[in-house]
N, C-alpha and C. Protein backbone atom coordinates (compact mmCIF):
# COMPACT_ATOMS: atom_id res chain seq x y z
N MET A 1 2.81 37.55 40.89
CA MET A 1 1.64 38.32 40.42
C MET A 1 1.34 38.16 38.95
N PRO A 2 0.23 37.91 38.88
CA PRO A 2 -0.23 37.35 37.20
C PRO A 2 -0.21 38.72 36.34
N GLU A 3 0.09 38.65 35.09
CA GLU A 3 0.07 39.61 34.42
C GLU A 3 -1.44 40.17 34.14
N GLN A 4 -1.53 41.59 33.91
CA GLN A 4 -2.86 42.11 33.75
C GLN A 4 -3.74 41.49 32.64
N GLN A 5 -2.94 41.12 31.52
CA GLN A 5 -3.40 40.46 30.36
C GLN A 5 -4.11 39.21 30.69
N THR A 6 -3.47 38.47 31.58
CA THR A 6 -4.07 37.16 31.95
C THR A 6 -5.27 37.20 32.72
N ILE A 7 -5.18 38.09 33.51
CA ILE A 7 -6.48 38.39 34.47
C ILE A 7 -7.65 38.91 33.58
N GLU A 8 -7.35 39.62 32.76
CA GLU A 8 -8.23 40.29 31.89
C GLU A 8 -8.97 38.97 30.98
N ARG A 9 -8.18 38.07 30.46
CA ARG A 9 -8.51 36.90 29.59
C ARG A 9 -9.37 36.04 30.54
N ALA A 10 -9.13 35.79 31.93
CA ALA A 10 -9.70 35.06 32.68
C ALA A 10 -11.11 35.60 33.17
N ARG A 11 -11.12 36.90 33.26
CA ARG A 11 -12.37 37.70 33.41
C ARG A 11 -13.29 37.49 32.17
N ASN A 12 -12.68 37.41 30.97
CA ASN A 12 -13.48 37.44 29.97
C ASN A 12 -14.13 36.09 29.74
N ASP A 13 -13.35 35.00 30.14
CA ASP A 13 -13.94 33.51 30.03
C ASP A 13 -15.01 33.73 31.24
N ALA A 14 -14.90 34.21 32.18
CA ALA A 14 -16.13 34.02 33.29
C ALA A 14 -17.35 34.86 32.77
N ARG A 15 -17.14 35.88 32.26
CA ARG A 15 -18.19 36.55 31.41
C ARG A 15 -18.96 35.91 30.45
N GLU A 16 -18.08 34.90 29.63
CA GLU A 16 -18.73 34.07 28.78
C GLU A 16 -19.42 32.78 29.38
N GLY A 17 -19.42 32.72 30.64
CA GLY A 17 -19.84 31.48 31.15
C GLY A 17 -19.01 30.30 31.28
N LYS A 18 -17.85 30.25 30.98
CA LYS A 18 -16.93 29.35 30.94
C LYS A 18 -16.71 28.74 32.29
N SER A 19 -16.25 27.44 32.44
CA SER A 19 -16.00 27.00 33.73
C SER A 19 -14.74 27.39 34.46
N PRO A 20 -14.67 27.56 35.77
CA PRO A 20 -13.40 27.98 36.46
C PRO A 20 -12.11 27.32 36.05
N SER A 21 -12.22 25.97 35.74
CA SER A 21 -11.10 25.60 35.09
C SER A 21 -10.58 26.03 33.76
N THR A 22 -11.55 26.28 33.06
CA THR A 22 -11.09 26.99 31.76
C THR A 22 -10.51 28.41 32.09
N GLN A 23 -10.94 29.11 33.17
CA GLN A 23 -10.54 30.61 33.59
C GLN A 23 -9.14 30.41 33.96
N ALA A 24 -9.06 29.26 34.96
CA ALA A 24 -7.52 28.99 35.40
C ALA A 24 -6.75 28.58 34.46
N GLY A 25 -7.15 27.84 33.40
CA GLY A 25 -6.30 27.55 32.13
C GLY A 25 -5.58 28.52 31.54
N GLU A 26 -5.87 29.95 31.65
CA GLU A 26 -5.19 31.15 31.40
C GLU A 26 -4.00 31.41 32.17
N PHE A 27 -4.07 31.15 33.51
CA PHE A 27 -2.86 31.34 34.49
C PHE A 27 -2.03 30.03 34.19
N VAL A 28 -2.38 28.99 33.90
CA VAL A 28 -1.52 27.82 33.54
C VAL A 28 -0.64 28.14 32.34
N ARG A 29 -1.34 28.67 31.21
CA ARG A 29 -0.82 29.12 30.16
C ARG A 29 0.31 30.02 30.05
N GLU A 30 -0.09 30.94 30.90
CA GLU A 30 1.03 32.20 31.46
C GLU A 30 2.20 31.63 32.01
N GLU A 31 2.02 30.50 32.99
CA GLU A 31 3.01 29.81 33.58
C GLU A 31 4.10 29.13 32.65
N PHE A 32 3.31 28.47 31.77
CA PHE A 32 4.15 27.74 30.69
C PHE A 32 5.05 28.79 30.01
N HIS A 33 4.40 30.02 29.58
CA HIS A 33 5.07 30.94 28.99
C HIS A 33 6.30 31.29 29.67
N HIS A 34 6.22 31.62 30.96
CA HIS A 34 7.23 31.92 31.94
C HIS A 34 8.43 30.96 32.04
N VAL A 35 7.99 29.82 32.00
CA VAL A 35 8.98 28.82 31.84
C VAL A 35 10.00 28.78 30.59
N ARG A 36 9.04 29.03 29.48
CA ARG A 36 9.62 28.96 28.17
C ARG A 36 10.46 30.09 27.90
N GLU A 37 10.15 31.16 28.61
CA GLU A 37 10.74 32.66 28.36
C GLU A 37 12.12 32.64 29.32
N GLY A 38 12.24 31.65 30.29
CA GLY A 38 13.36 31.56 31.10
C GLY A 38 13.13 32.44 32.29
N LYS A 39 12.03 32.93 32.64
CA LYS A 39 11.98 33.86 33.89
C LYS A 39 12.18 32.82 35.00
N HIS A 40 11.71 31.50 35.05
CA HIS A 40 12.12 30.46 35.93
C HIS A 40 11.79 29.30 35.34
N GLY A 41 12.02 28.14 36.01
CA GLY A 41 12.08 26.60 35.57
C GLY A 41 10.87 25.98 36.29
N ALA A 42 10.76 24.87 35.90
CA ALA A 42 9.99 23.86 36.78
C ALA A 42 10.54 22.56 36.58
N ARG A 43 10.16 21.56 37.35
CA ARG A 43 10.70 20.26 37.39
C ARG A 43 10.00 19.44 36.58
N SER A 44 8.70 19.68 36.48
CA SER A 44 7.73 18.97 35.51
C SER A 44 6.68 19.89 35.15
N PRO A 45 5.96 19.39 33.98
CA PRO A 45 4.84 19.90 33.66
C PRO A 45 3.59 20.22 34.78
N LYS A 46 3.51 19.19 35.61
CA LYS A 46 2.78 19.33 36.74
C LYS A 46 3.03 20.31 37.68
N GLN A 47 4.37 20.62 37.90
CA GLN A 47 4.56 21.74 38.61
C GLN A 47 4.28 22.93 38.30
N ALA A 48 4.32 23.21 36.95
CA ALA A 48 4.14 24.32 36.29
C ALA A 48 2.39 24.55 36.37
N ILE A 49 1.74 23.59 36.15
CA ILE A 49 0.35 23.62 36.22
C ILE A 49 0.00 24.04 37.58
N ALA A 50 0.43 23.49 38.69
CA ALA A 50 0.15 23.48 40.11
C ALA A 50 0.45 25.13 40.61
N ILE A 51 1.52 25.68 39.93
CA ILE A 51 1.75 27.08 40.15
C ILE A 51 0.60 28.06 39.48
N GLY A 52 0.27 27.59 38.22
CA GLY A 52 -0.76 28.33 37.62
C GLY A 52 -2.14 28.33 38.25
N LEU A 53 -2.49 27.02 38.75
CA LEU A 53 -3.69 26.96 39.61
C LEU A 53 -3.71 27.79 40.86
N SER A 54 -2.39 27.80 41.46
CA SER A 54 -2.36 28.50 42.55
C SER A 54 -2.57 30.08 42.45
N LYS A 55 -2.02 30.41 41.37
CA LYS A 55 -2.06 31.82 40.90
C LYS A 55 -3.59 32.10 40.70
N ALA A 56 -4.11 31.39 39.93
CA ALA A 56 -5.73 31.47 39.59
C ALA A 56 -6.42 31.61 40.88
N ARG A 57 -6.36 30.92 41.84
CA ARG A 57 -7.14 30.65 43.13
C ARG A 57 -6.95 31.97 43.77
N ARG A 58 -5.46 32.59 43.88
CA ARG A 58 -5.29 33.72 44.55
C ARG A 58 -5.73 35.02 43.87
N ALA A 59 -6.00 34.96 42.32
CA ALA A 59 -6.47 36.05 41.58
C ALA A 59 -8.11 35.79 41.53
N GLY A 60 -8.68 34.95 42.38
CA GLY A 60 -10.07 35.11 42.71
C GLY A 60 -11.05 34.07 41.70
N VAL A 61 -10.33 33.26 41.06
CA VAL A 61 -11.08 32.17 40.21
C VAL A 61 -11.76 31.28 41.18
N LYS A 62 -12.99 30.90 41.14
CA LYS A 62 -13.64 30.22 42.00
C LYS A 62 -13.40 28.64 41.71
N LEU A 63 -12.19 28.45 41.90
CA LEU A 63 -11.60 26.77 41.70
C LEU A 63 -11.78 26.15 42.90
N PRO A 64 -12.48 25.06 42.96
CA PRO A 64 -12.29 24.39 44.15
C PRO A 64 -11.36 23.59 44.49
N PRO A 65 -10.87 23.41 45.84
CA PRO A 65 -9.63 22.47 46.01
C PRO A 65 -10.00 21.21 45.58
N PRO A 66 -8.78 20.37 45.38
CA PRO A 66 -9.14 19.02 44.75
C PRO A 66 -9.77 18.09 46.06
N LYS A 67 -10.55 17.08 45.52
CA LYS A 67 -11.15 16.26 46.43
C LYS A 67 -10.34 15.47 47.27
N PRO A 68 -10.72 15.13 48.47
CA PRO A 68 -10.11 14.22 49.34
C PRO A 68 -9.71 12.76 48.62
N GLY A 69 -8.45 12.46 48.64
CA GLY A 69 -8.14 11.05 48.09
C GLY A 69 -7.25 11.26 46.67
N ARG A 70 -7.48 12.44 46.12
CA ARG A 70 -6.96 12.86 44.93
C ARG A 70 -5.67 13.28 45.02
N THR A 71 -5.49 14.17 46.04
CA THR A 71 -4.07 14.78 46.45
C THR A 71 -3.79 14.70 47.87
N SER A 72 -2.71 14.84 48.60
CA SER A 72 -2.36 14.98 50.08
C SER A 72 -3.28 16.05 50.59
N ALA A 73 -3.49 15.71 51.97
CA ALA A 73 -4.18 16.89 52.68
C ALA A 73 -3.50 18.26 52.67
N LYS A 74 -2.19 18.24 52.54
CA LYS A 74 -1.25 19.37 52.73
C LYS A 74 -1.73 20.37 51.38
N ILE A 75 -1.78 19.52 50.19
CA ILE A 75 -1.83 20.40 49.08
C ILE A 75 -3.32 21.09 49.01
N ARG A 76 -4.20 20.29 49.50
CA ARG A 76 -5.83 20.52 49.63
C ARG A 76 -5.88 21.84 50.57
N GLN A 77 -5.02 21.75 51.75
CA GLN A 77 -5.13 22.91 52.62
C GLN A 77 -4.46 24.13 52.08
N GLN A 78 -3.48 23.95 51.14
CA GLN A 78 -2.80 24.93 50.64
C GLN A 78 -3.73 25.59 49.42
N ALA A 79 -4.48 24.70 48.74
CA ALA A 79 -5.53 25.27 47.86
C ALA A 79 -6.68 26.17 48.52
N GLU A 80 -7.01 25.55 49.51
CA GLU A 80 -8.04 26.33 50.44
C GLU A 80 -7.37 27.86 50.92
N ARG A 81 -6.23 27.80 51.18
CA ARG A 81 -5.58 28.95 51.62
C ARG A 81 -5.50 30.02 50.43
N ASP A 82 -5.14 29.39 49.18
CA ASP A 82 -5.02 30.26 48.22
C ASP A 82 -6.51 30.92 47.88
N ASN A 83 -7.58 30.10 47.89
CA ASN A 83 -8.90 30.61 47.71
C ASN A 83 -9.42 31.68 48.80
N GLU A 84 -8.83 31.57 49.96
CA GLU A 84 -8.97 32.55 50.95
C GLU A 84 -8.21 33.90 50.46
N ARG A 85 -7.24 33.77 50.04
CA ARG A 85 -6.47 35.03 49.53
C ARG A 85 -7.34 35.44 48.26
N GLY A 86 -7.69 34.72 47.62
CA GLY A 86 -8.47 35.24 46.36
C GLY A 86 -9.91 35.96 46.85
N ARG A 87 -10.24 35.52 48.03
CA ARG A 87 -11.58 36.36 48.36
C ARG A 87 -11.27 37.54 49.06
N GLN A 88 -9.95 37.93 49.65
CA GLN A 88 -9.71 38.82 50.28
C GLN A 88 -9.85 40.36 49.48
N VAL A 89 -10.35 41.14 50.10
CA VAL A 89 -10.44 42.56 49.33
C VAL A 89 -9.06 43.34 49.25
N GLU A 90 -8.36 43.35 50.65
CA GLU A 90 -7.02 43.87 50.66
C GLU A 90 -6.30 42.62 50.76
N PRO A 91 -5.20 42.49 49.66
CA PRO A 91 -4.50 41.39 49.91
C PRO A 91 -3.24 41.62 50.87
N GLU A 92 -3.01 40.36 51.55
CA GLU A 92 -1.71 40.51 52.45
C GLU A 92 -0.49 40.93 52.05
N ARG A 93 0.39 41.40 52.70
CA ARG A 93 1.75 41.91 52.29
C ARG A 93 2.34 40.55 52.14
N VAL A 94 3.18 40.39 51.12
CA VAL A 94 3.85 39.13 50.77
C VAL A 94 5.34 39.43 51.33
N SER A 95 5.85 38.27 51.83
CA SER A 95 7.15 38.20 52.55
C SER A 95 8.09 38.36 51.23
N ARG A 96 8.88 39.57 51.36
CA ARG A 96 9.80 39.46 50.13
C ARG A 96 11.00 38.65 50.09
N ARG A 97 11.31 38.31 51.40
CA ARG A 97 12.39 37.45 51.50
C ARG A 97 12.15 36.17 50.98
N ARG A 98 10.77 35.57 51.47
CA ARG A 98 10.45 34.30 50.82
C ARG A 98 10.07 34.03 49.41
N SER A 99 9.54 35.23 48.92
CA SER A 99 9.50 35.49 47.55
C SER A 99 10.42 35.20 46.52
N ARG A 100 11.57 35.94 47.14
CA ARG A 100 12.94 35.94 46.32
C ARG A 100 13.59 34.34 46.41
N ALA A 101 13.50 33.93 47.75
CA ALA A 101 14.16 32.63 47.72
C ALA A 101 13.32 31.54 46.90
N THR A 102 11.99 31.50 46.85
CA THR A 102 11.10 30.71 46.22
C THR A 102 11.57 30.87 44.69
N LEU A 103 11.69 32.18 44.26
CA LEU A 103 12.08 32.57 42.74
C LEU A 103 13.42 32.12 42.57
N GLY A 104 14.26 32.22 43.45
CA GLY A 104 15.68 31.64 43.20
C GLY A 104 15.85 30.21 43.01
N VAL A 105 15.01 29.30 43.77
CA VAL A 105 14.93 28.07 43.61
C VAL A 105 14.47 27.79 42.29
N LEU A 106 13.27 28.12 41.71
CA LEU A 106 12.58 27.95 40.54
C LEU A 106 13.71 28.25 39.34
N ARG A 107 14.32 29.37 39.70
CA ARG A 107 15.35 29.64 38.58
C ARG A 107 16.33 28.61 38.16
N ARG A 108 16.67 27.93 39.22
CA ARG A 108 17.63 26.72 39.20
C ARG A 108 17.14 25.62 38.29
N GLU A 109 15.58 25.59 38.21
CA GLU A 109 15.12 24.32 37.66
C GLU A 109 15.48 24.54 36.30
N GLY A 110 15.07 23.21 35.47
CA GLY A 110 15.07 23.05 34.05
C GLY A 110 14.01 23.72 33.12
N HIS A 111 14.06 23.93 31.90
CA HIS A 111 13.13 24.63 31.10
C HIS A 111 12.32 23.83 30.11
N SER A 112 12.87 22.52 30.26
CA SER A 112 12.21 21.54 29.20
C SER A 112 10.88 20.89 29.60
N ALA A 113 10.40 21.28 31.15
CA ALA A 113 8.99 21.10 31.48
C ALA A 113 7.78 21.77 30.72
N ALA A 114 8.31 22.74 29.88
CA ALA A 114 7.35 23.56 29.19
C ALA A 114 7.29 23.35 27.71
N SER A 115 8.20 22.39 27.45
CA SER A 115 8.27 21.99 26.07
C SER A 115 7.08 21.49 25.27
N PRO A 116 6.83 21.82 24.10
CA PRO A 116 5.61 21.15 23.53
C PRO A 116 5.27 19.38 23.81
N ARG A 117 6.42 18.90 23.76
CA ARG A 117 6.64 17.53 23.91
C ARG A 117 6.21 17.08 25.48
N ALA A 118 6.80 17.78 26.36
CA ALA A 118 6.36 17.36 27.70
C ALA A 118 4.94 17.72 28.14
N ILE A 119 4.34 18.85 27.45
CA ILE A 119 2.97 19.15 27.78
C ILE A 119 2.19 18.29 27.06
N ALA A 120 2.43 17.86 25.90
CA ALA A 120 1.53 16.73 25.17
C ALA A 120 1.52 15.42 25.81
N ARG A 121 2.92 15.00 26.57
CA ARG A 121 2.86 13.79 27.46
C ARG A 121 1.94 14.03 28.44
N GLN A 122 2.06 15.00 29.21
CA GLN A 122 1.25 15.38 30.46
C GLN A 122 -0.39 15.39 30.00
N THR A 123 -0.58 16.15 28.97
CA THR A 123 -2.14 15.95 28.61
C THR A 123 -2.51 14.66 28.26
N GLN A 124 -1.85 13.82 27.40
CA GLN A 124 -2.18 12.45 27.06
C GLN A 124 -2.32 11.70 28.37
N ALA A 125 -1.61 11.66 29.41
CA ALA A 125 -1.54 10.89 30.58
C ALA A 125 -2.98 11.38 31.43
N ALA A 126 -3.00 12.68 31.38
CA ALA A 126 -4.28 13.15 32.22
C ALA A 126 -5.57 12.49 31.49
N SER A 127 -5.53 12.66 30.40
CA SER A 127 -6.67 12.17 29.44
C SER A 127 -6.84 10.62 29.70
N LEU A 128 -6.07 9.91 29.68
CA LEU A 128 -6.20 8.46 29.89
C LEU A 128 -6.43 8.10 31.35
N ARG A 129 -6.20 8.92 32.30
CA ARG A 129 -6.71 8.43 33.57
C ARG A 129 -8.29 8.61 33.64
N ARG A 130 -9.01 9.39 32.69
CA ARG A 130 -10.50 9.81 32.80
C ARG A 130 -11.07 8.68 31.78
N SER A 131 -12.31 8.25 32.02
CA SER A 131 -13.04 7.40 31.35
C SER A 131 -13.44 8.09 30.19
N ALA A 132 -13.92 6.99 29.28
CA ALA A 132 -14.56 7.52 27.81
C ALA A 132 -15.62 8.66 28.14
N SER A 133 -16.65 8.14 28.96
CA SER A 133 -17.81 8.83 29.23
C SER A 133 -17.50 10.08 29.80
N GLU A 134 -16.48 10.26 30.76
CA GLU A 134 -15.94 11.67 31.43
C GLU A 134 -15.54 12.51 30.26
N ARG A 135 -14.66 11.94 29.28
CA ARG A 135 -14.23 12.71 28.30
C ARG A 135 -15.27 13.32 27.40
N SER A 136 -16.38 12.48 27.15
CA SER A 136 -17.29 12.70 26.17
C SER A 136 -18.15 13.89 26.81
N ALA A 137 -18.46 13.65 28.27
CA ALA A 137 -19.24 14.63 29.00
C ALA A 137 -18.50 16.01 28.96
N ALA A 138 -17.33 15.90 29.00
CA ALA A 138 -16.32 17.37 28.93
C ALA A 138 -16.58 17.93 27.60
N ALA A 139 -16.74 17.24 26.71
CA ALA A 139 -16.60 17.76 25.20
C ALA A 139 -18.22 18.24 25.04
N GLN A 140 -19.09 17.81 25.73
CA GLN A 140 -20.60 18.13 25.60
C GLN A 140 -20.46 19.41 26.10
N ARG A 141 -20.12 19.67 27.48
CA ARG A 141 -19.99 20.79 28.05
C ARG A 141 -19.25 21.95 27.26
N ALA A 142 -18.17 21.48 26.52
CA ALA A 142 -17.37 22.63 25.66
C ALA A 142 -18.36 23.07 24.68
N VAL A 143 -19.18 22.45 24.14
CA VAL A 143 -20.04 22.50 22.98
C VAL A 143 -20.99 23.75 23.29
N HIS A 144 -21.61 23.75 24.65
CA HIS A 144 -22.38 24.87 25.11
C HIS A 144 -21.80 26.09 24.91
N THR A 145 -20.61 26.33 25.26
CA THR A 145 -20.01 27.60 25.30
C THR A 145 -19.44 27.99 23.99
N LYS A 146 -19.22 27.31 23.04
CA LYS A 146 -18.58 27.52 21.75
C LYS A 146 -19.42 28.24 20.89
N GLY A 147 -20.48 27.86 20.76
CA GLY A 147 -21.35 28.73 19.81
C GLY A 147 -21.18 27.88 18.51
N ARG A 148 -22.12 28.32 17.59
CA ARG A 148 -22.21 27.84 16.06
C ARG A 148 -21.08 27.85 15.36
N ALA A 149 -20.29 28.97 15.40
CA ALA A 149 -19.28 29.20 14.38
C ALA A 149 -18.00 28.45 15.06
N GLY A 150 -17.93 28.56 16.34
CA GLY A 150 -16.66 27.91 17.12
C GLY A 150 -16.92 26.29 16.85
N LEU A 151 -18.21 25.86 16.73
CA LEU A 151 -18.46 24.58 16.80
C LEU A 151 -18.03 24.00 15.42
N SER A 152 -18.33 24.57 14.31
CA SER A 152 -17.88 24.18 12.91
C SER A 152 -16.48 24.49 12.75
N ALA A 153 -15.87 25.39 13.41
CA ALA A 153 -14.29 25.38 13.28
C ALA A 153 -13.59 24.29 13.73
N ALA A 154 -14.07 23.96 14.96
CA ALA A 154 -13.71 22.80 15.76
C ALA A 154 -13.89 21.68 14.99
N GLY A 155 -14.92 21.38 14.27
CA GLY A 155 -15.21 20.27 13.47
C GLY A 155 -14.24 20.02 12.24
N ARG A 156 -13.98 21.23 11.70
CA ARG A 156 -13.01 21.31 10.70
C ARG A 156 -11.61 21.01 11.11
N LYS A 157 -11.23 21.47 12.33
CA LYS A 157 -9.89 21.32 12.93
C LYS A 157 -9.68 19.81 13.20
N ALA A 158 -10.83 18.97 13.59
CA ALA A 158 -10.63 17.56 14.06
C ALA A 158 -10.70 16.79 12.79
N ALA A 159 -11.26 17.24 11.65
CA ALA A 159 -11.17 16.50 10.48
C ALA A 159 -9.75 16.68 9.80
N ARG A 160 -9.29 17.85 10.05
CA ARG A 160 -7.71 17.99 9.53
C ARG A 160 -6.70 17.12 10.16
N THR A 161 -6.84 17.13 11.57
CA THR A 161 -5.85 16.51 12.43
C THR A 161 -6.17 14.93 12.22
N ARG A 162 -7.27 14.34 11.83
CA ARG A 162 -7.52 13.16 11.61
C ARG A 162 -6.91 12.75 10.28
N MET A 163 -6.72 13.66 9.40
CA MET A 163 -6.28 13.35 7.97
C MET A 163 -4.56 12.94 8.32
N LEU A 164 -4.09 13.61 9.32
CA LEU A 164 -2.59 13.62 9.65
C LEU A 164 -2.34 12.26 10.17
N ASP A 165 -3.20 11.49 10.74
CA ASP A 165 -2.95 10.15 11.41
C ASP A 165 -2.91 9.07 10.63
């Protein structure tokens, strides 16, 4: 179950007109925090991201399942089931036994999957899989929801990080 604060942040993103993936990012962020705090572990940053996206879908974020060919049919079906859960008014009872078993398995995993270095490596790899035009288009879309003050702050930050290189 996601924390109330995370759900509120995601709803705030939705009100501001941000994309479903941005809203889902709040749940992924929470998941990384859980791994760092030691609530449970993860084998890789990808697994922590997958858990966060699943939670987002179940919380009602309108995040479409991955396109065919990008992931296996099994993962796509699970994403569709998560979306169904998110649309239900009265949530189904969760199997206590299965929940505890899953948590027990996750607790035995490592915690380095949420280290800043691991996350940076995952982000870099994901970015390199996209073309320059796709990355540029994403940046252009981000500009629309940032506003004037946010835009100039982002420019200052970019200039500052370039100085470090």
